[in-house]
Amino acid sequence: MPELPEVETTRRGVAPYLEGGEIREVIVRERRLRTPVPVDFEDHLIGRRIGELRRRAKYLIVPTGERTLLWHLGMSGSLRIARVGDPPKKHDHVDLVVDDGAILRYHDPRRFGFVDWLAGDVASDPRLARLGPEPLSPDFDGERLYRLSRGRRLAVKPFLMDNAVVVGVGNIYAAEALFLAGIDPRRAAGRIGRERYDRLAEAVREVLAAAISQGGTTLRDFVSGVGEPGYFSQRLNVYGRAGEPCRRCGGELRQITLGQRASVFCPRCQT
């Protein structure tokens, strides 16, 4: 958390305030992030013009001429728009100030996120080069899941969360997609047939598209680029609802641990 819908919501929220703007000031209050903020970060940004913001998996890509910023929100980070004169809050670590007075402000209580430089071809960066396809792209489908799962004893939920298989399907959205597809998260990935993987791929697309349309999911820290919470939490069928009745069959939802992550599912509806 934040996952793909939250990062995409952030991108859409901040882009209109930043794209085409010239960076006039850079303020770094805390360099000790997961990857330390480069010592020359400020010097290389002043006077640069921001290009079209993009997202790859859970990374936000911010072109600034010769160099590109790679931003990751970690476990508790958020990027939001402030204005010149807005006082920073505790854990507001980095500000990019553009020429019309808008500020891209990075907030991260746990400091598990980072902002770093990318030089040259963005796609060749080791953090991006080995990633699988985007789940909402034509490159992701049930055939890919079926092909990559053959012979795998790994449970289907951690298989689905593997960024080499498909990017951006984190714990929340994997649980929700498996529920919609009616698949037990404990089932071995290699024991699931092509038809069920077709349903799962469609469920992944449906869940992620719905989450993006609702501004993501706010459970604790996440806010959008304009400071609003995500409302998809109101539509969660299984995630965070252990012990509650299933909205489909009325049975009790059960929580287990898979891949060191809590996973909630319906034993009746998911087989």
Protein backbone atom coordinates (compact mmCIF):
# COMPACT_ATOMS: atom_id res chain seq x y z
CA MET A 1 0.00 0.00 0.00
CA PRO A 2 -0.19 2.27 -2.00
CA GLU A 3 -0.81 -0.09 -4.92
CA LEU A 4 -1.32 0.52 -8.64
CA PRO A 5 -4.72 2.27 -8.42
CA GLU A 6 -3.39 4.66 -5.77
CA VAL A 7 -0.33 5.55 -7.85
CA GLU A 8 -2.45 6.00 -10.98
CA THR A 9 -4.87 8.18 -9.00
CA THR A 10 -1.89 10.23 -7.81
CA ARG A 11 -0.56 10.62 -11.36
CA ARG A 12 -3.90 11.83 -12.66
CA GLY A 13 -4.32 14.20 -9.74
CA VAL A 14 -0.94 15.96 -9.86
CA ALA A 15 -0.27 15.94 -13.62
CA PRO A 16 -2.41 18.99 -14.52
CA TYR A 17 -0.51 21.11 -11.99
CA LEU A 18 2.97 20.02 -13.07
CA GLU A 19 3.17 19.15 -16.76
CA GLY A 20 4.83 21.96 -18.71
CA GLY A 21 5.83 23.79 -15.54
CA GLU A 22 9.36 24.98 -14.83
CA ILE A 23 10.92 23.93 -11.53
CA ARG A 24 11.85 27.10 -9.62
CA GLU A 25 12.76 25.67 -6.21
CA VAL A 26 13.53 22.29 -4.64
CA ILE A 27 13.35 21.73 -0.89
CA VAL A 28 14.67 18.52 0.67
CA ARG A 29 13.91 18.27 4.40
CA GLU A 30 14.89 14.62 4.82
CA ARG A 31 17.34 12.72 2.60
CA ARG A 32 17.22 9.44 4.53
CA LEU A 33 14.58 7.66 2.48
CA ARG A 34 14.77 4.02 1.33
CA THR A 35 17.18 5.25 -1.34
CA PRO A 36 18.89 8.42 -0.05
CA VAL A 37 17.98 11.56 -1.98
CA PRO A 38 21.01 12.37 -4.22
CA VAL A 39 23.25 15.13 -2.86
CA ASP A 40 23.00 17.07 -6.16
CA PHE A 41 19.24 16.57 -6.43
CA GLU A 42 18.36 20.26 -6.07
CA ASP A 43 21.10 21.58 -8.39
CA HIS A 44 20.08 19.40 -11.33
CA LEU A 45 16.36 20.22 -11.10
CA ILE A 46 16.28 24.00 -10.89
CA GLY A 47 15.20 25.45 -14.23
CA ARG A 48 14.09 22.11 -15.67
CA ARG A 49 10.69 21.80 -17.34
CA ILE A 50 8.45 18.89 -16.40
CA GLY A 51 7.21 16.64 -19.19
CA GLU A 52 4.29 14.21 -19.32
CA LEU A 53 3.95 12.17 -16.14
CA ARG A 54 3.73 8.41 -16.56
CA ARG A 55 3.26 5.39 -14.36
CA ARG A 56 4.96 2.00 -14.60
CA ALA A 57 3.72 -0.56 -12.08
CA LYS A 58 3.80 1.31 -8.74
CA TYR A 59 6.43 3.81 -9.92
CA LEU A 60 5.67 7.40 -10.94
CA ILE A 61 7.91 8.63 -13.76
CA VAL A 62 8.52 12.40 -13.96
CA PRO A 63 10.56 13.56 -17.00
CA THR A 64 12.66 16.69 -16.40
CA GLY A 65 14.70 17.04 -19.58
CA GLU A 66 17.99 15.15 -19.55
CA ARG A 67 17.09 13.30 -16.37
CA THR A 68 13.95 11.55 -15.21
CA LEU A 69 12.67 11.25 -11.66
CA LEU A 70 11.57 7.82 -10.48
CA TRP A 71 9.22 8.08 -7.49
CA HIS A 72 7.99 5.20 -5.33
CA LEU A 73 5.55 5.77 -2.48
CA GLY A 74 6.64 2.80 -0.37
CA MET A 75 4.26 1.70 2.39
CA SER A 76 2.93 5.03 3.60
CA GLY A 77 3.94 7.70 1.09
CA SER A 78 1.79 10.15 -0.83
CA LEU A 79 2.33 12.94 -3.32
CA ARG A 80 -0.04 15.86 -3.24
CA ILE A 81 -0.32 19.39 -4.56
CA ALA A 82 0.27 22.29 -2.18
CA ARG A 83 0.70 26.00 -2.87
CA VAL A 84 3.48 28.40 -2.00
CA GLY A 85 2.84 29.52 1.57
CA ASP A 86 1.26 26.24 2.70
CA PRO A 87 3.29 25.21 5.78
CA PRO A 88 4.82 21.71 5.61
CA LYS A 89 3.58 19.03 7.97
CA LYS A 90 5.62 16.51 9.87
CA HIS A 91 7.00 13.89 7.44
CA ASP A 92 6.77 16.23 4.41
CA HIS A 93 10.23 15.37 3.08
CA VAL A 94 10.55 16.82 -0.45
CA ASP A 95 8.99 19.78 -2.31
CA LEU A 96 9.20 20.57 -6.03
CA VAL A 97 7.99 24.14 -6.63
CA VAL A 98 6.95 25.06 -10.18
CA ASP A 99 6.71 28.52 -11.70
CA ASP A 100 2.98 29.08 -11.09
CA GLY A 101 3.33 28.43 -7.34
CA ALA A 102 2.16 24.82 -7.27
CA ILE A 103 4.19 22.45 -5.08
CA LEU A 104 4.55 18.72 -5.53
CA ARG A 105 4.95 17.67 -1.88
CA TYR A 106 6.13 14.21 -0.83
CA HIS A 107 4.84 12.93 2.51
CA ASP A 108 6.08 9.62 3.97
CA PRO A 109 5.89 8.81 7.71
CA ARG A 110 7.74 5.49 7.41
CA ARG A 111 10.28 6.68 4.81
CA PHE A 112 10.04 3.41 2.85
CA GLY A 113 9.54 5.28 -0.42
CA PHE A 114 12.11 7.14 -2.47
CA VAL A 115 12.81 9.54 -5.32
CA ASP A 116 15.81 8.85 -7.53
CA TRP A 117 17.39 9.82 -10.85
CA LEU A 118 17.12 7.85 -14.05
CA ALA A 119 19.67 8.64 -16.74
CA GLY A 120 19.25 7.42 -20.31
CA ASP A 121 16.60 4.90 -21.34
CA VAL A 122 14.01 4.61 -18.57
CA ALA A 123 12.97 1.08 -19.56
CA SER A 124 16.53 -0.23 -19.09
CA ASP A 125 16.71 0.73 -15.42
CA PRO A 126 17.09 -2.51 -13.37
CA ARG A 127 14.06 -1.62 -11.27
CA LEU A 128 11.85 -1.48 -14.36
CA ALA A 129 13.50 -3.81 -16.88
CA ARG A 130 12.28 -7.10 -15.38
CA LEU A 131 8.70 -6.06 -14.75
CA GLY A 132 5.80 -7.93 -16.31
CA PRO A 133 3.02 -6.33 -18.36
CA GLU A 134 0.57 -3.74 -17.11
CA PRO A 135 -2.66 -5.47 -16.01
CA LEU A 136 -4.87 -3.11 -18.01
CA SER A 137 -2.83 -3.56 -21.20
CA PRO A 138 -3.48 -6.04 -24.05
CA ASP A 139 -0.29 -7.88 -23.05
CA PHE A 140 -1.98 -9.28 -19.94
CA ASP A 141 -4.55 -12.06 -20.30
CA GLY A 142 -5.53 -15.49 -19.09
CA GLU A 143 -3.25 -17.20 -21.59
CA ARG A 144 -0.22 -15.53 -19.99
CA LEU A 145 -1.30 -16.59 -16.50
CA TYR A 146 -1.93 -20.13 -17.67
CA ARG A 147 1.40 -20.41 -19.51
CA LEU A 148 3.54 -19.01 -16.69
CA SER A 149 1.78 -21.09 -14.04
CA ARG A 150 2.45 -24.51 -15.56
CA GLY A 151 4.31 -26.73 -13.12
CA ARG A 152 4.15 -24.13 -10.33
CA ARG A 153 3.27 -25.35 -6.84
CA LEU A 154 3.15 -21.81 -5.50
CA ALA A 155 -0.29 -20.73 -4.30
CA VAL A 156 -2.16 -18.69 -6.89
CA LYS A 157 -2.38 -15.53 -4.80
CA PRO A 158 1.39 -14.94 -4.40
CA PHE A 159 1.78 -16.06 -8.03
CA LEU A 160 -0.61 -13.29 -9.08
CA MET A 161 1.31 -10.77 -6.94
CA ASP A 162 4.62 -11.57 -8.65
CA ASN A 163 5.67 -8.44 -10.60
CA ALA A 164 7.38 -10.62 -13.20
CA VAL A 165 3.98 -12.16 -14.00
CA VAL A 166 1.95 -8.95 -13.99
CA VAL A 167 2.69 -5.64 -12.28
CA GLY A 168 0.73 -3.79 -9.66
CA VAL A 169 -1.58 -6.51 -8.32
CA GLY A 170 -0.84 -6.15 -4.62
CA ASN A 171 -2.45 -7.78 -1.61
CA ILE A 172 -5.72 -5.86 -1.66
CA TYR A 173 -6.52 -6.27 -5.33
CA ALA A 174 -5.27 -9.87 -5.62
CA ALA A 175 -7.68 -10.86 -2.83
CA GLU A 176 -10.56 -9.02 -4.47
CA ALA A 177 -9.86 -10.42 -7.96
CA LEU A 178 -9.63 -13.99 -6.69
CA PHE A 179 -12.97 -13.54 -4.95
CA LEU A 180 -14.64 -12.27 -8.13
CA ALA A 181 -13.15 -15.17 -10.09
CA GLY A 182 -14.24 -17.69 -7.44
CA ILE A 183 -10.72 -19.09 -6.95
CA ASP A 184 -9.34 -20.24 -3.59
CA PRO A 185 -6.14 -18.22 -2.96
CA ARG A 186 -4.45 -21.36 -1.58
CA ARG A 187 -4.86 -23.37 -4.77
CA ALA A 188 -1.58 -24.22 -6.51
CA ALA A 189 -1.08 -21.96 -9.53
CA GLY A 190 -0.21 -24.94 -11.70
CA ARG A 191 -3.47 -26.70 -10.85
CA ILE A 192 -5.71 -24.01 -12.33
CA GLY A 193 -7.04 -24.40 -15.88
CA ARG A 194 -7.08 -21.96 -18.77
CA GLU A 195 -10.78 -21.09 -18.48
CA ARG A 196 -10.43 -20.12 -14.82
CA TYR A 197 -7.36 -18.02 -15.62
CA ASP A 198 -9.36 -16.21 -18.29
CA ARG A 199 -11.90 -15.34 -15.58
CA LEU A 200 -9.13 -14.29 -13.20
CA ALA A 201 -7.50 -11.97 -15.74
CA GLU A 202 -10.86 -10.35 -16.40
CA ALA A 203 -11.46 -10.02 -12.65
CA VAL A 204 -8.08 -8.32 -12.20
CA ARG A 205 -8.94 -5.78 -14.89
CA GLU A 206 -12.41 -5.22 -13.43
CA VAL A 207 -11.16 -4.68 -9.88
CA LEU A 208 -8.31 -2.36 -10.84
CA ALA A 209 -10.46 -0.28 -13.19
CA ALA A 210 -13.12 0.10 -10.48
CA ALA A 211 -10.51 1.05 -7.88
CA ILE A 212 -9.02 3.71 -10.16
CA SER A 213 -12.48 5.14 -10.84
CA GLN A 214 -13.05 5.36 -7.05
CA GLY A 215 -9.73 7.12 -6.43
CA GLY A 216 -8.00 4.06 -4.95
CA THR A 217 -8.36 2.55 -1.48
CA THR A 218 -7.69 4.47 1.71
CA LEU A 219 -7.16 2.22 4.73
CA ARG A 220 -4.79 4.39 6.75
CA ASP A 221 -2.48 6.92 5.07
CA PHE A 222 -3.28 7.28 1.38
CA VAL A 223 -4.66 10.51 -0.07
CA SER A 224 -4.78 11.52 -3.72
CA GLY A 225 -2.74 14.28 -5.32
CA VAL A 226 -5.38 16.78 -4.28
CA GLY A 227 -5.68 15.45 -0.73
CA GLU A 228 -8.77 13.26 -1.07
CA PRO A 229 -9.10 9.71 0.28
CA GLY A 230 -9.84 6.76 -1.98
CA TYR A 231 -13.36 5.34 -1.78
CA PHE A 232 -12.83 1.81 -3.10
CA SER A 233 -12.55 0.64 0.52
CA GLN A 234 -16.35 0.86 0.66
CA ARG A 235 -16.57 -1.79 -2.10
CA LEU A 236 -14.14 -4.35 -0.70
CA ASN A 237 -15.67 -7.82 -0.70
CA VAL A 238 -13.06 -9.72 1.30
CA TYR A 239 -9.94 -7.68 2.12
CA GLY A 240 -9.97 -6.62 5.78
CA ARG A 241 -13.33 -8.34 6.43
CA ALA A 242 -12.26 -11.53 8.22
CA GLY A 243 -15.11 -12.99 10.31
CA GLU A 244 -17.76 -10.95 8.51
CA PRO A 245 -20.48 -12.51 6.31
CA CYS A 246 -19.74 -13.01 2.63
CA ARG A 247 -21.76 -10.58 0.53
CA ARG A 248 -22.43 -13.32 -2.01
CA CYS A 249 -23.38 -16.39 0.08
CA GLY A 250 -23.62 -15.14 3.68
CA GLY A 251 -20.94 -17.54 4.95
CA GLU A 252 -18.19 -16.39 7.27
CA LEU A 253 -15.08 -14.99 5.62
CA ARG A 254 -11.86 -16.65 6.73
CA GLN A 255 -8.35 -15.21 7.15
CA ILE A 256 -5.17 -17.18 6.47
CA THR A 257 -1.52 -16.30 5.81
CA LEU A 258 -0.02 -16.74 2.34
CA GLY A 259 3.46 -15.58 1.47
CA GLN A 260 3.69 -13.85 4.88
CA ARG A 261 0.65 -11.74 4.00
CA ALA A 262 -2.83 -11.91 5.49
CA SER A 263 -5.40 -13.18 3.03
CA VAL A 264 -9.17 -13.21 3.46
CA PHE A 265 -11.46 -15.38 1.32
CA CYS A 266 -14.81 -17.14 1.30
CA PRO A 267 -14.45 -20.96 1.68
CA ARG A 268 -17.85 -21.46 0.05
CA CYS A 269 -17.51 -19.18 -2.99
CA GLN A 270 -13.83 -19.71 -3.72
CA THR A 271 -12.78 -23.23 -4.66
